[in-house]
Protein backbone atom coordinates (compact mmCIF):
# COMPACT_ATOMS: atom_id res chain seq x y z
CA MET A 1 -100.43 -20.81 6.47
CA PRO A 2 -98.48 -22.40 9.36
CA THR A 3 -100.28 -23.23 12.59
CA ILE A 4 -97.97 -23.19 15.63
CA LEU A 5 -98.39 -24.35 19.21
CA ALA A 6 -96.24 -22.32 21.61
CA ILE A 7 -95.34 -22.90 25.26
CA GLU A 8 -94.08 -20.27 27.71
CA SER A 9 -92.65 -21.34 31.09
CA SER A 10 -89.80 -18.96 31.83
CA CYS A 11 -90.88 -17.95 35.35
CA ASP A 12 -94.12 -18.45 37.27
CA GLU A 13 -96.77 -18.46 34.55
CA THR A 14 -97.56 -21.55 32.52
CA SER A 15 -98.92 -20.48 29.16
CA ALA A 16 -99.79 -22.04 25.83
CA ALA A 17 -101.04 -20.40 22.65
CA VAL A 18 -101.93 -21.30 19.09
CA CYS A 19 -101.05 -19.02 16.20
CA ARG A 20 -102.10 -19.37 12.56
CA ASN A 21 -100.22 -17.02 10.28
CA GLU A 22 -100.12 -13.79 12.32
CA ILE A 23 -103.43 -14.44 14.06
CA ILE A 24 -103.50 -15.56 17.71
CA LEU A 25 -106.24 -18.18 17.98
CA SER A 26 -105.88 -18.82 21.72
CA ASN A 27 -103.72 -17.71 24.63
CA ILE A 28 -104.11 -19.53 27.96
CA ILE A 29 -102.23 -18.48 31.10
CA ALA A 30 -102.14 -20.27 34.46
CA ASP A 31 -100.81 -18.17 37.34
CA GLN A 32 -99.03 -19.62 40.36
CA LYS A 33 -100.47 -18.23 43.61
CA VAL A 34 -98.16 -20.29 45.82
CA HIS A 35 -95.37 -17.69 45.72
CA SER A 36 -97.27 -14.86 47.41
CA GLN A 37 -96.66 -16.25 50.90
CA TYR A 38 -92.89 -16.22 50.33
CA GLY A 39 -92.57 -12.66 49.02
CA GLY A 40 -91.15 -13.76 45.67
CA VAL A 41 -90.92 -16.61 43.18
CA VAL A 42 -89.51 -19.84 44.66
CA PRO A 43 -87.81 -21.63 41.72
CA GLU A 44 -88.47 -25.19 42.94
CA LEU A 45 -92.15 -24.49 43.56
CA ALA A 46 -92.42 -22.79 40.17
CA SER A 47 -91.09 -25.81 38.28
CA ARG A 48 -93.40 -28.15 40.20
CA ALA A 49 -96.39 -25.97 39.37
CA HIS A 50 -95.42 -25.93 35.69
CA MET A 51 -95.45 -29.74 35.66
CA GLN A 52 -98.95 -29.71 37.13
CA ASN A 53 -100.26 -27.01 34.79
CA ILE A 54 -98.70 -27.70 31.42
CA VAL A 55 -100.96 -30.50 30.18
CA PRO A 56 -104.29 -28.81 31.03
CA VAL A 57 -103.00 -25.46 29.74
CA VAL A 58 -101.96 -26.96 26.38
CA GLU A 59 -105.27 -28.79 26.12
CA ALA A 60 -107.15 -25.57 26.84
CA ALA A 61 -105.13 -23.69 24.19
CA LEU A 62 -105.88 -26.32 21.55
CA SER A 63 -109.55 -26.39 22.51
CA GLY A 64 -109.77 -22.59 22.46
CA ALA A 65 -108.27 -22.54 18.97
CA ASP A 66 -110.57 -25.38 17.84
CA CYS A 67 -107.49 -27.35 16.79
CA ARG A 68 -105.91 -30.75 17.36
CA LEU A 69 -102.25 -31.49 17.93
CA GLU A 70 -102.22 -33.11 14.50
CA ASP A 71 -103.09 -29.72 12.97
CA MET A 72 -99.87 -28.12 14.19
CA ASP A 73 -97.10 -27.38 11.70
CA ALA A 74 -94.51 -26.64 14.39
CA ILE A 75 -93.97 -26.57 18.16
CA ALA A 76 -92.39 -23.54 19.83
CA PHE A 77 -91.12 -22.89 23.34
CA THR A 78 -89.26 -20.31 25.40
CA GLN A 79 -85.59 -21.25 25.44
CA ALA A 80 -84.17 -18.33 27.46
CA PRO A 81 -83.85 -16.46 29.72
CA GLY A 82 -85.61 -17.50 32.89
CA LEU A 83 -85.56 -19.92 35.82
CA ILE A 84 -83.78 -23.01 34.56
CA GLY A 85 -86.15 -25.46 36.25
CA SER A 86 -89.18 -23.70 34.79
CA LEU A 87 -87.62 -23.48 31.34
CA LEU A 88 -86.80 -27.19 31.40
CA VAL A 89 -90.44 -28.15 31.92
CA GLY A 90 -91.61 -26.22 28.86
CA ALA A 91 -88.61 -27.22 26.75
CA GLN A 92 -88.88 -30.94 27.41
CA PHE A 93 -92.63 -30.92 26.84
CA ALA A 94 -92.23 -29.09 23.51
CA LYS A 95 -89.38 -31.37 22.43
CA SER A 96 -91.43 -34.46 23.22
CA LEU A 97 -94.31 -33.18 21.11
CA ALA A 98 -92.01 -32.25 18.23
CA LEU A 99 -90.25 -35.61 18.32
CA GLY A 100 -93.39 -37.68 18.68
CA MET A 101 -95.24 -35.83 15.93
CA GLN A 102 -92.20 -35.31 13.68
CA LYS A 103 -92.80 -31.55 13.62
CA PRO A 104 -90.22 -28.73 13.44
CA LEU A 105 -89.08 -27.22 16.74
CA LEU A 106 -88.72 -23.46 17.26
CA ALA A 107 -86.72 -22.11 20.21
CA VAL A 108 -87.66 -18.52 21.09
CA HIS A 109 -85.85 -15.87 23.12
CA HIS A 110 -88.23 -14.46 25.72
CA MET A 111 -87.10 -10.83 25.38
CA GLN A 112 -87.37 -10.87 21.59
CA ALA A 113 -90.91 -12.13 22.04
CA HIS A 114 -91.80 -9.22 24.36
CA VAL A 115 -90.87 -6.81 21.56
CA VAL A 116 -92.83 -8.85 19.00
CA ALA A 117 -95.91 -8.64 21.27
CA ASN A 118 -96.43 -5.17 19.78
CA LEU A 119 -97.21 -6.86 16.45
CA ILE A 120 -100.22 -8.74 17.82
CA GLY A 121 -103.44 -7.22 16.52
CA THR A 122 -104.36 -4.84 13.73
CA SER A 123 -102.53 -1.67 14.84
CA LYS A 124 -98.86 -2.44 14.26
CA PRO A 125 -95.72 -0.28 14.29
CA GLN A 126 -93.53 0.06 11.24
CA PHE A 127 -89.87 -0.90 11.26
CA PRO A 128 -87.40 0.30 12.36
CA LEU A 129 -88.77 0.86 15.84
CA LEU A 130 -87.62 1.45 19.39
CA CYS A 131 -89.02 -0.66 22.22
CA LEU A 132 -88.67 0.00 25.93
CA THR A 133 -88.82 -3.51 27.35
CA VAL A 134 -89.44 -3.45 31.09
CA SER A 135 -89.99 -6.46 33.33
CA GLY A 136 -89.03 -7.90 36.69
CA GLY A 137 -85.73 -9.17 35.35
CA HIS A 138 -84.90 -6.86 32.44
CA THR A 139 -84.90 -3.20 31.48
CA GLN A 140 -83.79 -2.59 27.90
CA ILE A 141 -84.13 -0.27 24.96
CA VAL A 142 -84.25 -2.36 21.80
CA LEU A 143 -83.78 -1.11 18.26
CA ALA A 144 -85.72 -3.52 16.04
CA ARG A 145 -85.22 -3.47 12.26
CA SER A 146 -87.57 -6.43 11.73
CA PRO A 147 -89.24 -9.08 13.90
CA THR A 148 -86.00 -11.07 13.81
CA LYS A 149 -83.32 -8.36 13.57
CA MET A 150 -82.88 -6.56 16.87
CA GLU A 151 -80.17 -4.73 18.78
CA VAL A 152 -80.11 -3.85 22.48
CA ILE A 153 -78.90 -0.23 22.67
CA GLY A 154 -79.68 0.36 26.35
CA ASN A 155 -79.61 -2.02 29.30
CA THR A 156 -79.69 -1.95 33.08
CA ILE A 157 -76.27 -2.18 34.69
CA ASP A 158 -77.70 -3.62 37.92
CA ASP A 159 -81.37 -4.09 38.80
CA ALA A 160 -84.47 -4.07 36.62
CA ALA A 161 -87.31 -1.56 36.94
CA GLY A 162 -89.77 -4.32 37.83
CA GLU A 163 -87.53 -5.45 40.66
CA ALA A 164 -87.31 -1.86 41.89
CA PHE A 165 -91.12 -1.72 42.01
CA ASP A 166 -91.36 -5.00 43.92
CA LYS A 167 -88.55 -4.18 46.38
CA ALA A 168 -90.01 -0.74 47.05
CA ALA A 169 -93.38 -2.37 47.67
CA LYS A 170 -91.79 -4.76 50.16
CA MET A 171 -90.24 -1.80 52.02
CA LEU A 172 -93.71 -0.29 52.20
CA GLY A 173 -95.14 -3.47 53.68
CA LEU A 174 -97.11 -4.47 50.59
CA PRO A 175 -97.49 -8.17 49.70
CA TYR A 176 -95.91 -9.82 46.66
CA PRO A 177 -96.27 -9.06 43.82
CA GLY A 178 -96.05 -5.46 44.95
CA GLY A 179 -95.63 -3.63 41.64
CA PRO A 180 -99.34 -3.69 40.74
CA LEU A 181 -100.21 -2.54 44.27
CA ILE A 182 -97.90 0.46 43.99
CA ASP A 183 -99.69 1.31 40.74
CA ARG A 184 -103.08 1.03 42.44
CA TYR A 185 -102.19 3.24 45.43
CA ALA A 186 -100.31 5.71 43.23
CA ARG A 187 -103.53 6.69 41.48
CA GLN A 188 -104.67 8.31 44.74
CA GLY A 189 -101.36 9.98 45.66
CA LEU A 190 -99.21 13.00 44.87
CA PRO A 191 -96.30 12.03 42.58
CA ASP A 192 -94.08 14.96 43.63
CA ARG A 193 -94.65 14.70 47.40
CA PHE A 194 -91.38 12.84 48.07
CA ARG A 195 -88.17 12.91 46.04
CA PHE A 196 -85.87 9.93 45.56
CA ALA A 197 -82.51 9.50 43.86
CA GLN A 198 -82.31 9.12 40.09
CA PRO A 199 -78.94 7.44 39.43
CA GLN A 200 -77.06 9.05 36.54
CA VAL A 201 -75.68 6.51 34.07
CA PRO A 202 -73.90 7.49 30.83
CA GLY A 203 -75.48 6.70 27.49
CA LEU A 204 -78.74 4.80 27.24
CA ASP A 205 -78.15 2.40 30.14
CA PHE A 206 -80.19 2.29 33.36
CA SER A 207 -79.48 1.83 37.06
CA PHE A 208 -82.00 1.25 39.84
CA SER A 209 -79.92 0.01 42.78
CA GLY A 210 -79.26 3.56 44.00
CA LEU A 211 -82.96 4.35 43.86
CA LYS A 212 -83.78 1.36 46.08
CA THR A 213 -81.14 2.49 48.58
CA SER A 214 -82.54 6.02 48.53
CA ILE A 215 -86.04 4.75 49.32
CA LEU A 216 -84.75 2.51 52.12
CA TYR A 217 -82.73 5.25 53.85
CA PHE A 218 -85.59 7.73 53.52
CA LEU A 219 -88.08 5.34 55.13
CA GLN A 220 -85.68 4.40 57.92
CA LYS A 221 -85.17 8.06 58.77
CA GLU A 222 -88.88 8.89 58.81
CA LEU A 223 -89.87 5.79 60.80
CA LYS A 224 -87.50 6.71 63.61
CA THR A 225 -89.64 9.71 64.51
CA ASN A 226 -93.03 8.43 63.27
CA PRO A 227 -93.69 4.66 63.34
CA ASP A 228 -96.92 5.24 61.38
CA PHE A 229 -95.27 7.26 58.62
CA ILE A 230 -95.82 4.64 55.90
CA SER A 231 -99.47 3.95 56.69
CA GLN A 232 -100.20 7.68 56.95
CA ASN A 233 -98.54 8.47 53.60
CA LEU A 234 -98.89 5.24 51.61
CA ALA A 235 -100.60 6.69 48.52
CA ASP A 236 -98.11 9.57 48.22
CA LEU A 237 -95.16 7.24 48.77
CA CYS A 238 -96.38 4.89 46.05
CA ALA A 239 -97.05 7.78 43.68
CA SER A 240 -93.59 9.25 44.31
CA VAL A 241 -91.82 5.90 43.83
CA GLN A 242 -93.72 5.24 40.62
CA HIS A 243 -93.11 8.76 39.32
CA THR A 244 -89.36 8.38 39.90
CA ILE A 245 -89.08 5.01 38.15
CA VAL A 246 -91.16 6.14 35.19
CA THR A 247 -89.14 9.35 34.88
CA ILE A 248 -85.89 7.39 34.72
CA LEU A 249 -87.33 5.10 32.02
CA LEU A 250 -88.77 7.82 29.81
CA LYS A 251 -85.71 10.09 29.98
CA LYS A 252 -83.60 7.31 28.47
CA LEU A 253 -86.24 6.41 25.90
CA GLN A 254 -86.47 10.03 24.78
CA ALA A 255 -82.68 10.15 24.48
CA ALA A 256 -82.74 6.98 22.37
CA SER A 257 -85.31 8.48 20.00
CA LEU A 258 -83.24 11.65 19.61
CA GLN A 259 -80.07 9.62 19.04
CA THR A 260 -81.56 7.30 16.42
CA GLY A 261 -84.18 9.57 14.87
CA ILE A 262 -86.77 6.81 15.23
CA ARG A 263 -90.33 7.87 16.06
CA GLN A 264 -92.00 4.46 16.01
CA VAL A 265 -91.82 3.75 19.75
CA CYS A 266 -93.21 0.81 21.71
CA LEU A 267 -93.53 -0.50 25.27
CA ALA A 268 -93.27 -4.17 26.24
CA GLY A 269 -92.82 -6.42 29.26
CA GLY A 270 -94.73 -6.88 32.48
CA VAL A 271 -94.12 -3.34 33.73
CA SER A 272 -95.73 -1.96 30.57
CA ALA A 273 -99.04 -2.88 32.23
CA ASN A 274 -98.36 -0.12 34.78
CA SER A 275 -100.99 2.59 34.28
CA GLY A 276 -98.66 5.44 35.24
CA LEU A 277 -96.05 4.35 32.71
CA ARG A 278 -98.65 3.84 29.97
CA GLN A 279 -100.19 7.28 30.52
CA ARG A 280 -96.91 9.19 30.63
CA PHE A 281 -95.49 7.23 27.68
CA THR A 282 -98.52 8.09 25.58
CA ALA A 283 -98.41 11.74 26.66
CA LEU A 284 -94.69 12.00 25.88
CA GLY A 285 -95.29 10.43 22.48
CA THR A 286 -97.94 13.02 21.69
CA GLU A 287 -95.62 15.82 22.80
CA LEU A 288 -92.68 14.58 20.72
CA GLY A 289 -94.61 13.41 17.66
CA TRP A 290 -94.02 9.70 18.18
CA ASN A 291 -96.24 6.92 16.91
CA THR A 292 -96.69 4.98 20.15
CA TYR A 293 -97.73 1.37 20.67
CA ILE A 294 -98.47 -0.69 23.77
CA PRO A 295 -99.57 -4.35 23.74
CA ALA A 296 -102.94 -5.30 25.19
CA PHE A 297 -102.68 -6.16 28.89
CA GLU A 298 -102.76 -9.93 28.33
CA TYR A 299 -99.68 -9.64 26.10
CA CYS A 300 -97.66 -7.47 28.51
CA THR A 301 -97.00 -10.10 31.17
CA ASP A 302 -95.42 -13.45 30.31
CA ASN A 303 -97.62 -15.22 27.76
CA ALA A 304 -97.35 -17.79 25.00
CA ALA A 305 -99.01 -15.64 22.34
CA MET A 306 -95.86 -13.55 21.97
CA ILE A 307 -93.81 -16.78 21.77
CA ALA A 308 -96.13 -18.11 19.07
CA LEU A 309 -95.94 -14.99 16.92
CA THR A 310 -92.14 -14.81 17.24
CA ALA A 311 -92.01 -18.47 16.26
CA TYR A 312 -94.16 -17.68 13.22
CA TYR A 313 -91.55 -15.22 11.93
CA LYS A 314 -88.78 -17.75 12.60
CA TYR A 315 -90.83 -20.39 10.76
CA LEU A 316 -91.01 -18.17 7.66
CA GLN A 317 -87.20 -18.09 7.64
CA SER A 318 -86.94 -21.84 8.30
CA ASP A 319 -85.04 -20.97 11.48
CA PHE A 320 -85.72 -24.30 13.16
CA SER A 321 -83.92 -25.70 16.20
CA PRO A 322 -82.46 -29.17 16.70
CA LEU A 323 -83.89 -31.40 19.42
CA SER A 324 -80.55 -31.00 21.22
CA VAL A 325 -81.19 -27.29 21.86
CA ALA A 326 -80.97 -26.59 25.59
CA PRO A 327 -82.82 -24.01 27.67
CA THR A 328 -80.56 -21.40 29.23
CA ALA A 329 -81.17 -19.27 32.32
CA ARG A 330 -79.17 -16.42 30.78
CA ALA A 331 -78.49 -16.06 27.08
CA ILE A 332 -76.55 -13.62 24.95
CA TRP A 333 -79.00 -11.45 23.08
CA PRO A 334 -79.57 -10.25 20.39
CA GLU A 335 -76.75 -12.33 18.92
CA THR A 336 -79.07 -15.32 19.26
CA VAL A 337 -81.73 -13.69 17.06
C-alpha cells in the first residue's frame, strides 16, 4: 500500500498531492495571479512564484492527508513537458526530499498524467481507451492500453486548442486567461451566428493556426465599418468561436473511434473544463454509443493528484528514476512511458 507525495510545477500552478494506493488523500493547488496583467504566463515570474509556494503547498498537502514526510514511500514530480524554470523548481525539491529521506524517485510525464486523471474516483474507464487531451500547449488523441502503455495517434501540427481559445479571447479584448471567459459568454450566445475556418488536416491530426487567422481577419473587416462590433456581439462571437473549436476537436475524436473501434472515450486537460466541450462530448457519446468519462474539474487543470496516481502505477512496476534525471521542456512521448 504505497503512499506517494507528488509535486506538479510544469507551468503556473504549484501543486502537491498525496496518494495511497489509488486513493487521492489530498490535492493542493496554488494559482499565480501575477500573470494576468501581462496577458500570458511570464516564465521568470512563474519560477519565482513556484519557489515561494512550494513549501507551504507541500505542507498543506501532507496536513490534508494527515501524513508526515516520514510516511511517504516515494516522491514523484513532473519531469516534462513545461516551462524549464518551473519544472526545475519542482524537480529539485522532489530530488532533495528523495535524497534526504532515501526514498525512491518517480519522474512523471505531464501528458500521460492528464490521461490517467480519468482513473481518479470510482467511475473508471476500461482499457483500451481513447482520450482527447486538450490544454493550452497540447491537443492530442491518445490510445491508452493501460495506465503506462499509451500511443499518441493524433496531434496538433501547429497550435493547441487552448491557445486558440486564449488568442481568440485576446482579439475580443478579454483579459488573460481568456478561455474560461469565452466559455462564460458563449452560454448566452448563438453558436452558429458567425462562421470561421476549420482547417482540413489529413488523418487524426489537428490545426488551429488557420482558425486564429480567420477570426482575426473577420474582426478586422467588421471593425472597419463598426468600431463597436465586438462589444455589440460579444456573446455570439464567443459562442461561435467555441462552437468552431469544439467541432474541430470532436470530428477528429469521432474519426479516431471509428478507426480503432474503441468506445471507451475520455476527455482530459485544462480545456476539458470547458462547459461547451463537456456537453457536446457527452451528447456525441450518447449518440454513438460511447462510454464517456471526464475528470472532475479539479483534475482537469494542472494538478498534482494526476501526477501522484501516475506515479502509483509506475511504482507498481518499480519504474523508478535516478537522481540524475533532468526535467525537460519538451520530451518525446509516449516513448518515455
